[in-house]
Amino acid sequence: MIAPQGPAALHALNKALDAEHAAVYAYGVAGARLSGGQRSSARDGFNAHRARRDQLRGLITARGGTPSESGAAYALPFPVNAAADAVRLAAFVEERVTAAYLELAAVEDTALRKLAALAMQECAVRGYGWSPLIADLPGWPAPAAATPVPTPAPTQPLMPPPVSLG
């Protein structure tokens, strides 16, 4: 039997589980708008998140916790009316699920940290399949846009004028 874990590990597991519940729902929505290879990719994403969801539920229960339940429906970040919207949703989901595993990657239990790292890697690869424009560090919040520092106008030329040799 697996030893009970502290509240931080169980909280992080449930946070990842919540993200997996939402991903399963979102891939169902996305898959309905896709066809061909994209629908197949959506099905693969759906199955991967469903398997990870089931794994997390088992880990939470084995550690003495209560797995969070799936919502009946989830609010989507934007309307999904066409295939392009579905592709955008799938990329968005992978980014969000990657971020949800960050807390789990920080717990003391090395097995859970390894699980989080693997899940984040899988999400990043799937996300790249939907949109090759991914963040430098998938899952991490984007840095705030840097405010350019005003550069004072030079008071003298940067280079001296050419010298006449004539």
N, C-alpha and C. Protein backbone atom coordinates (compact mmCIF):
# COMPACT_ATOMS: atom_id res chain seq x y z
N MET A 1 0.84 -1.19 0.00
CA MET A 1 0.00 0.00 0.00
C MET A 1 0.88 1.25 0.00
N ILE A 2 0.43 2.27 -0.65
CA ILE A 2 1.15 3.54 -0.72
C ILE A 2 0.87 4.34 0.54
N ALA A 3 1.92 4.90 1.11
CA ALA A 3 1.75 5.69 2.34
C ALA A 3 0.91 6.93 2.06
N PRO A 4 0.07 7.32 3.03
CA PRO A 4 -0.71 8.55 2.85
C PRO A 4 0.22 9.74 2.64
N GLN A 5 -0.23 10.67 1.85
CA GLN A 5 0.57 11.85 1.53
C GLN A 5 0.01 13.06 2.27
N GLY A 6 0.85 14.07 2.38
CA GLY A 6 0.42 15.30 2.99
C GLY A 6 -0.60 16.02 2.13
N PRO A 7 -1.20 17.05 2.71
CA PRO A 7 -2.23 17.78 1.98
C PRO A 7 -1.71 18.47 0.72
N ALA A 8 -0.45 18.85 0.69
CA ALA A 8 0.09 19.53 -0.50
C ALA A 8 0.08 18.59 -1.71
N ALA A 9 0.50 17.35 -1.50
CA ALA A 9 0.53 16.39 -2.61
C ALA A 9 -0.88 16.08 -3.08
N LEU A 10 -1.79 15.86 -2.14
CA LEU A 10 -3.17 15.56 -2.53
C LEU A 10 -3.82 16.75 -3.24
N HIS A 11 -3.53 17.95 -2.77
CA HIS A 11 -4.07 19.14 -3.43
C HIS A 11 -3.53 19.24 -4.87
N ALA A 12 -2.23 19.01 -5.03
CA ALA A 12 -1.63 19.09 -6.36
C ALA A 12 -2.17 17.99 -7.28
N LEU A 13 -2.37 16.80 -6.74
CA LEU A 13 -2.96 15.72 -7.53
C LEU A 13 -4.37 16.08 -7.98
N ASN A 14 -5.17 16.63 -7.07
CA ASN A 14 -6.53 17.01 -7.43
C ASN A 14 -6.56 18.17 -8.41
N LYS A 15 -5.60 19.08 -8.31
CA LYS A 15 -5.54 20.18 -9.27
C LYS A 15 -5.25 19.64 -10.67
N ALA A 16 -4.32 18.70 -10.76
CA ALA A 16 -4.04 18.07 -12.05
C ALA A 16 -5.25 17.28 -12.53
N LEU A 17 -5.94 16.61 -11.62
CA LEU A 17 -7.14 15.85 -11.98
C LEU A 17 -8.22 16.77 -12.52
N ASP A 18 -8.41 17.91 -11.88
CA ASP A 18 -9.41 18.88 -12.37
C ASP A 18 -9.09 19.29 -13.81
N ALA A 19 -7.82 19.51 -14.09
CA ALA A 19 -7.41 19.89 -15.45
C ALA A 19 -7.67 18.75 -16.43
N GLU A 20 -7.44 17.53 -16.00
CA GLU A 20 -7.68 16.39 -16.88
C GLU A 20 -9.18 16.21 -17.15
N HIS A 21 -10.01 16.43 -16.13
CA HIS A 21 -11.47 16.38 -16.35
C HIS A 21 -11.86 17.39 -17.43
N ALA A 22 -11.36 18.61 -17.31
CA ALA A 22 -11.69 19.66 -18.27
C ALA A 22 -11.16 19.32 -19.66
N ALA A 23 -9.97 18.72 -19.72
CA ALA A 23 -9.38 18.36 -21.02
C ALA A 23 -10.22 17.30 -21.73
N VAL A 24 -10.70 16.33 -20.98
CA VAL A 24 -11.54 15.29 -21.58
C VAL A 24 -12.79 15.93 -22.18
N TYR A 25 -13.40 16.84 -21.45
CA TYR A 25 -14.59 17.53 -21.95
C TYR A 25 -14.25 18.34 -23.21
N ALA A 26 -13.18 19.11 -23.13
CA ALA A 26 -12.81 19.98 -24.25
C ALA A 26 -12.47 19.18 -25.51
N TYR A 27 -11.79 18.07 -25.35
CA TYR A 27 -11.48 17.25 -26.52
C TYR A 27 -12.74 16.65 -27.13
N GLY A 28 -13.75 16.38 -26.31
CA GLY A 28 -15.03 15.94 -26.86
C GLY A 28 -15.67 17.01 -27.73
N VAL A 29 -15.60 18.25 -27.26
CA VAL A 29 -16.13 19.38 -28.04
C VAL A 29 -15.31 19.56 -29.32
N ALA A 30 -13.99 19.56 -29.18
CA ALA A 30 -13.12 19.77 -30.34
C ALA A 30 -13.31 18.67 -31.38
N GLY A 31 -13.37 17.44 -30.93
CA GLY A 31 -13.50 16.32 -31.85
C GLY A 31 -14.75 16.39 -32.70
N ALA A 32 -15.80 16.98 -32.16
CA ALA A 32 -17.06 17.10 -32.91
C ALA A 32 -16.93 18.06 -34.09
N ARG A 33 -15.95 18.94 -34.07
CA ARG A 33 -15.77 19.93 -35.15
C ARG A 33 -14.66 19.55 -36.11
N LEU A 34 -13.99 18.45 -35.87
CA LEU A 34 -12.84 18.08 -36.68
C LEU A 34 -13.15 16.86 -37.55
N SER A 35 -12.31 16.64 -38.54
CA SER A 35 -12.46 15.47 -39.40
C SER A 35 -11.08 14.96 -39.79
N GLY A 36 -11.05 13.77 -40.36
CA GLY A 36 -9.81 13.20 -40.87
C GLY A 36 -8.74 13.05 -39.81
N GLY A 37 -7.51 13.44 -40.19
CA GLY A 37 -6.37 13.31 -39.30
C GLY A 37 -6.50 14.14 -38.04
N GLN A 38 -7.14 15.30 -38.16
CA GLN A 38 -7.32 16.13 -36.97
C GLN A 38 -8.27 15.47 -35.98
N ARG A 39 -9.31 14.83 -36.49
CA ARG A 39 -10.23 14.12 -35.59
C ARG A 39 -9.49 12.96 -34.91
N SER A 40 -8.65 12.29 -35.65
CA SER A 40 -7.86 11.20 -35.07
C SER A 40 -6.92 11.73 -33.98
N SER A 41 -6.31 12.87 -34.22
CA SER A 41 -5.44 13.49 -33.21
C SER A 41 -6.24 13.90 -31.98
N ALA A 42 -7.45 14.41 -32.20
CA ALA A 42 -8.31 14.78 -31.08
C ALA A 42 -8.70 13.54 -30.28
N ARG A 43 -8.98 12.45 -30.96
CA ARG A 43 -9.33 11.20 -30.27
C ARG A 43 -8.14 10.72 -29.44
N ASP A 44 -6.93 10.83 -30.01
CA ASP A 44 -5.73 10.44 -29.27
C ASP A 44 -5.56 11.31 -28.02
N GLY A 45 -5.78 12.62 -28.17
CA GLY A 45 -5.70 13.52 -27.02
C GLY A 45 -6.75 13.19 -25.98
N PHE A 46 -7.96 12.94 -26.43
CA PHE A 46 -9.05 12.56 -25.52
C PHE A 46 -8.66 11.31 -24.73
N ASN A 47 -8.18 10.29 -25.44
CA ASN A 47 -7.82 9.04 -24.77
C ASN A 47 -6.64 9.21 -23.82
N ALA A 48 -5.67 10.02 -24.20
CA ALA A 48 -4.51 10.26 -23.33
C ALA A 48 -4.93 10.97 -22.05
N HIS A 49 -5.78 11.98 -22.18
CA HIS A 49 -6.23 12.70 -20.99
C HIS A 49 -7.16 11.84 -20.13
N ARG A 50 -7.96 11.01 -20.77
CA ARG A 50 -8.84 10.11 -20.01
C ARG A 50 -8.00 9.11 -19.22
N ALA A 51 -6.94 8.56 -19.84
CA ALA A 51 -6.07 7.62 -19.14
C ALA A 51 -5.34 8.31 -17.98
N ARG A 52 -4.86 9.52 -18.21
CA ARG A 52 -4.16 10.25 -17.15
C ARG A 52 -5.14 10.60 -16.03
N ARG A 53 -6.36 10.96 -16.39
CA ARG A 53 -7.40 11.25 -15.39
C ARG A 53 -7.63 10.02 -14.51
N ASP A 54 -7.78 8.87 -15.13
CA ASP A 54 -8.03 7.65 -14.37
C ASP A 54 -6.83 7.30 -13.48
N GLN A 55 -5.63 7.52 -13.98
CA GLN A 55 -4.43 7.28 -13.19
C GLN A 55 -4.40 8.19 -11.96
N LEU A 56 -4.71 9.46 -12.15
CA LEU A 56 -4.70 10.40 -11.03
C LEU A 56 -5.75 10.03 -9.99
N ARG A 57 -6.92 9.63 -10.44
CA ARG A 57 -7.96 9.21 -9.49
C ARG A 57 -7.46 8.05 -8.63
N GLY A 58 -6.80 7.09 -9.25
CA GLY A 58 -6.26 5.95 -8.51
C GLY A 58 -5.18 6.37 -7.52
N LEU A 59 -4.32 7.28 -7.94
CA LEU A 59 -3.25 7.75 -7.05
C LEU A 59 -3.81 8.50 -5.85
N ILE A 60 -4.81 9.31 -6.08
CA ILE A 60 -5.42 10.07 -4.98
C ILE A 60 -6.07 9.12 -3.99
N THR A 61 -6.82 8.15 -4.49
CA THR A 61 -7.49 7.18 -3.62
C THR A 61 -6.46 6.35 -2.85
N ALA A 62 -5.40 5.91 -3.52
CA ALA A 62 -4.37 5.11 -2.88
C ALA A 62 -3.65 5.88 -1.78
N ARG A 63 -3.64 7.18 -1.87
CA ARG A 63 -2.97 8.02 -0.87
C ARG A 63 -3.93 8.52 0.19
N GLY A 64 -5.13 7.98 0.21
CA GLY A 64 -6.08 8.33 1.26
C GLY A 64 -6.91 9.56 0.98
N GLY A 65 -6.87 10.07 -0.23
CA GLY A 65 -7.64 11.26 -0.57
C GLY A 65 -8.92 10.93 -1.30
N THR A 66 -9.68 11.96 -1.57
CA THR A 66 -10.92 11.83 -2.33
C THR A 66 -10.74 12.56 -3.65
N PRO A 67 -10.81 11.82 -4.76
CA PRO A 67 -10.64 12.48 -6.07
C PRO A 67 -11.77 13.46 -6.35
N SER A 68 -11.43 14.58 -6.96
CA SER A 68 -12.46 15.54 -7.35
C SER A 68 -13.30 14.93 -8.46
N GLU A 69 -14.56 15.31 -8.50
CA GLU A 69 -15.47 14.80 -9.52
C GLU A 69 -15.45 15.72 -10.73
N SER A 70 -15.78 15.15 -11.85
CA SER A 70 -15.87 15.91 -13.09
C SER A 70 -17.12 16.78 -13.07
N GLY A 71 -17.02 17.94 -13.69
CA GLY A 71 -18.19 18.78 -13.85
C GLY A 71 -19.07 18.22 -14.96
N ALA A 72 -20.34 18.59 -14.93
CA ALA A 72 -21.25 18.14 -15.99
C ALA A 72 -20.88 18.81 -17.32
N ALA A 73 -20.40 20.03 -17.24
CA ALA A 73 -19.99 20.79 -18.41
C ALA A 73 -18.97 21.82 -17.95
N TYR A 74 -18.20 22.32 -18.88
CA TYR A 74 -17.17 23.32 -18.57
C TYR A 74 -17.34 24.51 -19.50
N ALA A 75 -17.07 25.69 -18.97
CA ALA A 75 -17.12 26.90 -19.79
C ALA A 75 -15.89 26.91 -20.70
N LEU A 76 -16.13 27.04 -21.96
CA LEU A 76 -15.02 27.10 -22.91
C LEU A 76 -14.48 28.52 -22.98
N PRO A 77 -13.20 28.68 -23.29
CA PRO A 77 -12.60 30.02 -23.31
C PRO A 77 -13.07 30.88 -24.48
N PHE A 78 -13.66 30.25 -25.49
CA PHE A 78 -14.17 30.96 -26.67
C PHE A 78 -15.12 30.02 -27.38
N PRO A 79 -15.99 30.54 -28.25
CA PRO A 79 -16.90 29.66 -28.99
C PRO A 79 -16.13 28.72 -29.93
N VAL A 80 -16.61 27.51 -30.03
CA VAL A 80 -15.99 26.52 -30.93
C VAL A 80 -17.02 26.17 -31.98
N ASN A 81 -16.98 26.91 -33.09
CA ASN A 81 -17.97 26.76 -34.15
C ASN A 81 -17.41 26.16 -35.43
N ALA A 82 -16.11 26.04 -35.52
CA ALA A 82 -15.48 25.55 -36.75
C ALA A 82 -14.22 24.77 -36.40
N ALA A 83 -13.67 24.11 -37.39
CA ALA A 83 -12.46 23.31 -37.18
C ALA A 83 -11.30 24.16 -36.65
N ALA A 84 -11.15 25.36 -37.16
CA ALA A 84 -10.05 26.23 -36.69
C ALA A 84 -10.20 26.54 -35.21
N ASP A 85 -11.44 26.73 -34.76
CA ASP A 85 -11.69 26.97 -33.33
C ASP A 85 -11.33 25.73 -32.51
N ALA A 86 -11.66 24.56 -33.04
CA ALA A 86 -11.38 23.31 -32.35
C ALA A 86 -9.88 23.08 -32.20
N VAL A 87 -9.13 23.40 -33.24
CA VAL A 87 -7.68 23.28 -33.19
C VAL A 87 -7.12 24.24 -32.14
N ARG A 88 -7.62 25.45 -32.14
CA ARG A 88 -7.18 26.45 -31.15
C ARG A 88 -7.51 25.98 -29.74
N LEU A 89 -8.70 25.38 -29.56
CA LEU A 89 -9.10 24.87 -28.24
C LEU A 89 -8.16 23.75 -27.79
N ALA A 90 -7.83 22.84 -28.68
CA ALA A 90 -6.93 21.74 -28.32
C ALA A 90 -5.56 22.27 -27.88
N ALA A 91 -5.03 23.23 -28.61
CA ALA A 91 -3.74 23.82 -28.23
C ALA A 91 -3.85 24.52 -26.88
N PHE A 92 -4.94 25.24 -26.67
CA PHE A 92 -5.19 25.94 -25.41
C PHE A 92 -5.25 24.95 -24.25
N VAL A 93 -5.98 23.86 -24.45
CA VAL A 93 -6.14 22.85 -23.41
C VAL A 93 -4.78 22.27 -23.01
N GLU A 94 -3.97 21.95 -23.99
CA GLU A 94 -2.66 21.36 -23.67
C GLU A 94 -1.80 22.33 -22.87
N GLU A 95 -1.87 23.60 -23.20
CA GLU A 95 -1.11 24.61 -22.44
C GLU A 95 -1.62 24.68 -21.00
N ARG A 96 -2.92 24.69 -20.83
CA ARG A 96 -3.51 24.78 -19.49
C ARG A 96 -3.25 23.54 -18.65
N VAL A 97 -3.33 22.38 -19.26
CA VAL A 97 -3.07 21.15 -18.50
C VAL A 97 -1.60 21.10 -18.11
N THR A 98 -0.72 21.51 -18.99
CA THR A 98 0.71 21.58 -18.65
C THR A 98 0.90 22.44 -17.41
N ALA A 99 0.27 23.59 -17.39
CA ALA A 99 0.39 24.50 -16.24
C ALA A 99 -0.18 23.88 -14.97
N ALA A 100 -1.23 23.08 -15.09
CA ALA A 100 -1.85 22.47 -13.92
C ALA A 100 -0.92 21.47 -13.24
N TYR A 101 0.02 20.92 -13.97
CA TYR A 101 0.95 19.95 -13.40
C TYR A 101 2.14 20.61 -12.71
N LEU A 102 2.31 21.90 -12.83
CA LEU A 102 3.46 22.57 -12.21
C LEU A 102 3.51 22.36 -10.70
N GLU A 103 2.36 22.46 -10.06
CA GLU A 103 2.32 22.30 -8.60
C GLU A 103 2.70 20.87 -8.21
N LEU A 104 2.26 19.90 -8.98
CA LEU A 104 2.60 18.50 -8.70
C LEU A 104 4.10 18.26 -8.89
N ALA A 105 4.69 18.96 -9.83
CA ALA A 105 6.13 18.81 -10.07
C ALA A 105 6.97 19.35 -8.91
N ALA A 106 6.35 20.10 -8.02
CA ALA A 106 7.08 20.70 -6.90
C ALA A 106 6.93 19.94 -5.59
N VAL A 107 6.15 18.86 -5.55
CA VAL A 107 5.98 18.12 -4.29
C VAL A 107 7.23 17.31 -3.99
N GLU A 108 7.36 16.86 -2.75
CA GLU A 108 8.56 16.13 -2.34
C GLU A 108 8.64 14.73 -2.92
N ASP A 109 7.53 14.09 -3.15
CA ASP A 109 7.49 12.71 -3.63
C ASP A 109 8.07 12.63 -5.05
N THR A 110 9.21 11.95 -5.19
CA THR A 110 9.87 11.90 -6.49
C THR A 110 9.04 11.17 -7.54
N ALA A 111 8.26 10.19 -7.13
CA ALA A 111 7.41 9.48 -8.11
C ALA A 111 6.35 10.43 -8.67
N LEU A 112 5.79 11.28 -7.83
CA LEU A 112 4.80 12.25 -8.30
C LEU A 112 5.45 13.32 -9.17
N ARG A 113 6.65 13.71 -8.81
CA ARG A 113 7.37 14.69 -9.62
C ARG A 113 7.67 14.13 -11.01
N LYS A 114 8.05 12.87 -11.05
CA LYS A 114 8.33 12.22 -12.33
C LYS A 114 7.05 12.13 -13.16
N LEU A 115 5.96 11.76 -12.52
CA LEU A 115 4.67 11.69 -13.21
C LEU A 115 4.30 13.06 -13.79
N ALA A 116 4.49 14.11 -12.99
CA ALA A 116 4.17 15.46 -13.46
C ALA A 116 5.04 15.85 -14.64
N ALA A 117 6.32 15.56 -14.56
CA ALA A 117 7.23 15.92 -15.65
C ALA A 117 6.85 15.19 -16.94
N LEU A 118 6.52 13.92 -16.83
CA LEU A 118 6.12 13.15 -18.01
C LEU A 118 4.81 13.69 -18.58
N ALA A 119 3.85 13.98 -17.71
CA ALA A 119 2.56 14.51 -18.18
C ALA A 119 2.76 15.86 -18.87
N MET A 120 3.60 16.71 -18.31
CA MET A 120 3.87 18.02 -18.91
C MET A 120 4.54 17.86 -20.28
N GLN A 121 5.46 16.91 -20.38
CA GLN A 121 6.13 16.66 -21.65
C GLN A 121 5.12 16.19 -22.70
N GLU A 122 4.24 15.27 -22.31
CA GLU A 122 3.23 14.77 -23.25
C GLU A 122 2.31 15.89 -23.72
N CYS A 123 1.90 16.75 -22.78
CA CYS A 123 1.03 17.87 -23.14
C CYS A 123 1.73 18.84 -24.09
N ALA A 124 2.99 19.11 -23.80
CA ALA A 124 3.74 20.04 -24.65
C ALA A 124 3.88 19.49 -26.07
N VAL A 125 4.14 18.20 -26.19
CA VAL A 125 4.27 17.60 -27.52
C VAL A 125 2.92 17.61 -28.24
N ARG A 126 1.84 17.25 -27.53
CA ARG A 126 0.52 17.31 -28.17
C ARG A 126 0.16 18.73 -28.55
N GLY A 127 0.46 19.67 -27.67
CA GLY A 127 0.19 21.08 -27.96
C GLY A 127 0.92 21.55 -29.20
N TYR A 128 2.17 21.11 -29.36
CA TYR A 128 2.94 21.47 -30.55
C TYR A 128 2.30 20.90 -31.80
N GLY A 129 1.69 19.73 -31.69
CA GLY A 129 0.99 19.15 -32.83
C GLY A 129 -0.19 19.99 -33.27
N TRP A 130 -0.81 20.70 -32.34
CA TRP A 130 -1.94 21.57 -32.67
C TRP A 130 -1.49 22.95 -33.09
N SER A 131 -0.43 23.42 -32.50
CA SER A 131 0.06 24.77 -32.81
C SER A 131 1.56 24.79 -32.59
N PRO A 132 2.34 24.91 -33.66
CA PRO A 132 3.79 24.91 -33.48
C PRO A 132 4.32 26.16 -32.78
N LEU A 133 3.46 27.10 -32.47
CA LEU A 133 3.88 28.29 -31.74
C LEU A 133 3.60 28.07 -30.27
N ILE A 134 4.56 27.47 -29.57
CA ILE A 134 4.38 27.22 -28.15
C ILE A 134 5.34 28.09 -27.36
N ALA A 135 5.04 28.23 -26.09
CA ALA A 135 5.87 29.06 -25.21
C ALA A 135 7.26 28.43 -25.05
N ASP A 136 8.22 29.26 -24.68
CA ASP A 136 9.56 28.76 -24.43
C ASP A 136 9.55 27.67 -23.36
N LEU A 137 8.77 27.90 -22.32
CA LEU A 137 8.61 26.93 -21.24
C LEU A 137 7.12 26.62 -21.11
N PRO A 138 6.62 25.63 -21.84
CA PRO A 138 5.18 25.35 -21.80
C PRO A 138 4.69 25.15 -20.38
N GLY A 139 3.58 25.78 -20.09
CA GLY A 139 2.99 25.68 -18.76
C GLY A 139 3.34 26.83 -17.84
N TRP A 140 4.48 27.45 -18.06
CA TRP A 140 4.87 28.59 -17.24
C TRP A 140 4.16 29.83 -17.75
N PRO A 141 3.76 30.71 -16.85
CA PRO A 141 3.13 31.95 -17.31
C PRO A 141 4.11 32.76 -18.16
N ALA A 142 3.58 33.40 -19.16
CA ALA A 142 4.41 34.24 -20.03
C ALA A 142 4.92 35.43 -19.23
N PRO A 143 6.17 35.82 -19.44
CA PRO A 143 6.68 36.99 -18.72
C PRO A 143 5.94 38.24 -19.16
N ALA A 144 5.83 39.16 -18.23
CA ALA A 144 5.19 40.44 -18.56
C ALA A 144 6.01 41.12 -19.65
N ALA A 145 5.31 41.76 -20.54
CA ALA A 145 6.00 42.46 -21.62
C ALA A 145 6.91 43.53 -21.03
N ALA A 146 8.13 43.51 -21.47
CA ALA A 146 9.09 44.49 -20.96
C ALA A 146 8.78 45.86 -21.54
N THR A 147 8.83 46.84 -20.68
CA THR A 147 8.64 48.21 -21.13
C THR A 147 9.98 48.72 -21.63
N PRO A 148 10.03 49.16 -22.88
CA PRO A 148 11.32 49.62 -23.39
C PRO A 148 11.80 50.84 -22.60
N VAL A 149 13.08 50.83 -22.35
CA VAL A 149 13.70 51.95 -21.64
C VAL A 149 13.99 53.03 -22.67
N PRO A 150 13.51 54.24 -22.43
CA PRO A 150 13.78 55.29 -23.42
C PRO A 150 15.27 55.56 -23.52
N THR A 151 15.73 55.70 -24.72
CA THR A 151 17.14 55.99 -24.97
C THR A 151 17.27 57.47 -25.26
N PRO A 152 18.10 58.16 -24.49
CA PRO A 152 18.25 59.59 -24.75
C PRO A 152 18.90 59.82 -26.11
N ALA A 153 18.51 60.89 -26.73
CA ALA A 153 19.10 61.25 -28.02
C ALA A 153 20.56 61.63 -27.79
N PRO A 154 21.44 61.18 -28.67
CA PRO A 154 22.85 61.52 -28.47
C PRO A 154 23.06 63.03 -28.65
N THR A 155 23.94 63.55 -27.83
CA THR A 155 24.26 64.97 -27.93
C THR A 155 25.39 65.21 -28.90
N GLN A 156 26.09 64.17 -29.25
CA GLN A 156 27.14 64.29 -30.24
C GLN A 156 27.13 63.05 -31.11
N PRO A 157 27.68 63.12 -32.28
CA PRO A 157 27.67 61.95 -33.16
C PRO A 157 28.38 60.78 -32.49
N LEU A 158 27.93 59.57 -32.82
CA LEU A 158 28.56 58.39 -32.27
C LEU A 158 29.96 58.19 -32.82
N MET A 159 30.18 58.64 -34.03
CA MET A 159 31.51 58.52 -34.63
C MET A 159 31.94 59.92 -35.06
N PRO A 160 33.21 60.21 -34.91
CA PRO A 160 33.67 61.53 -35.35
C PRO A 160 33.54 61.65 -36.86
N PRO A 161 33.38 62.86 -37.35
CA PRO A 161 33.30 63.03 -38.80
C PRO A 161 34.60 62.58 -39.46
N PRO A 162 34.52 62.14 -40.72
CA PRO A 162 35.74 61.69 -41.39
C PRO A 162 36.76 62.83 -41.49
N VAL A 163 37.98 62.44 -41.39
CA VAL A 163 39.08 63.41 -41.48
C VAL A 163 39.48 63.54 -42.95
N SER A 164 39.65 64.78 -43.40
CA SER A 164 40.07 65.02 -44.78
C SER A 164 41.58 64.86 -44.86
N LEU A 165 42.03 64.11 -45.79
CA LEU A 165 43.46 63.91 -45.97
C LEU A 165 44.02 64.79 -47.09
N GLY A 166 43.27 65.65 -47.58
CA GLY A 166 43.63 66.37 -48.75
C GLY A 166 44.16 67.67 -48.60
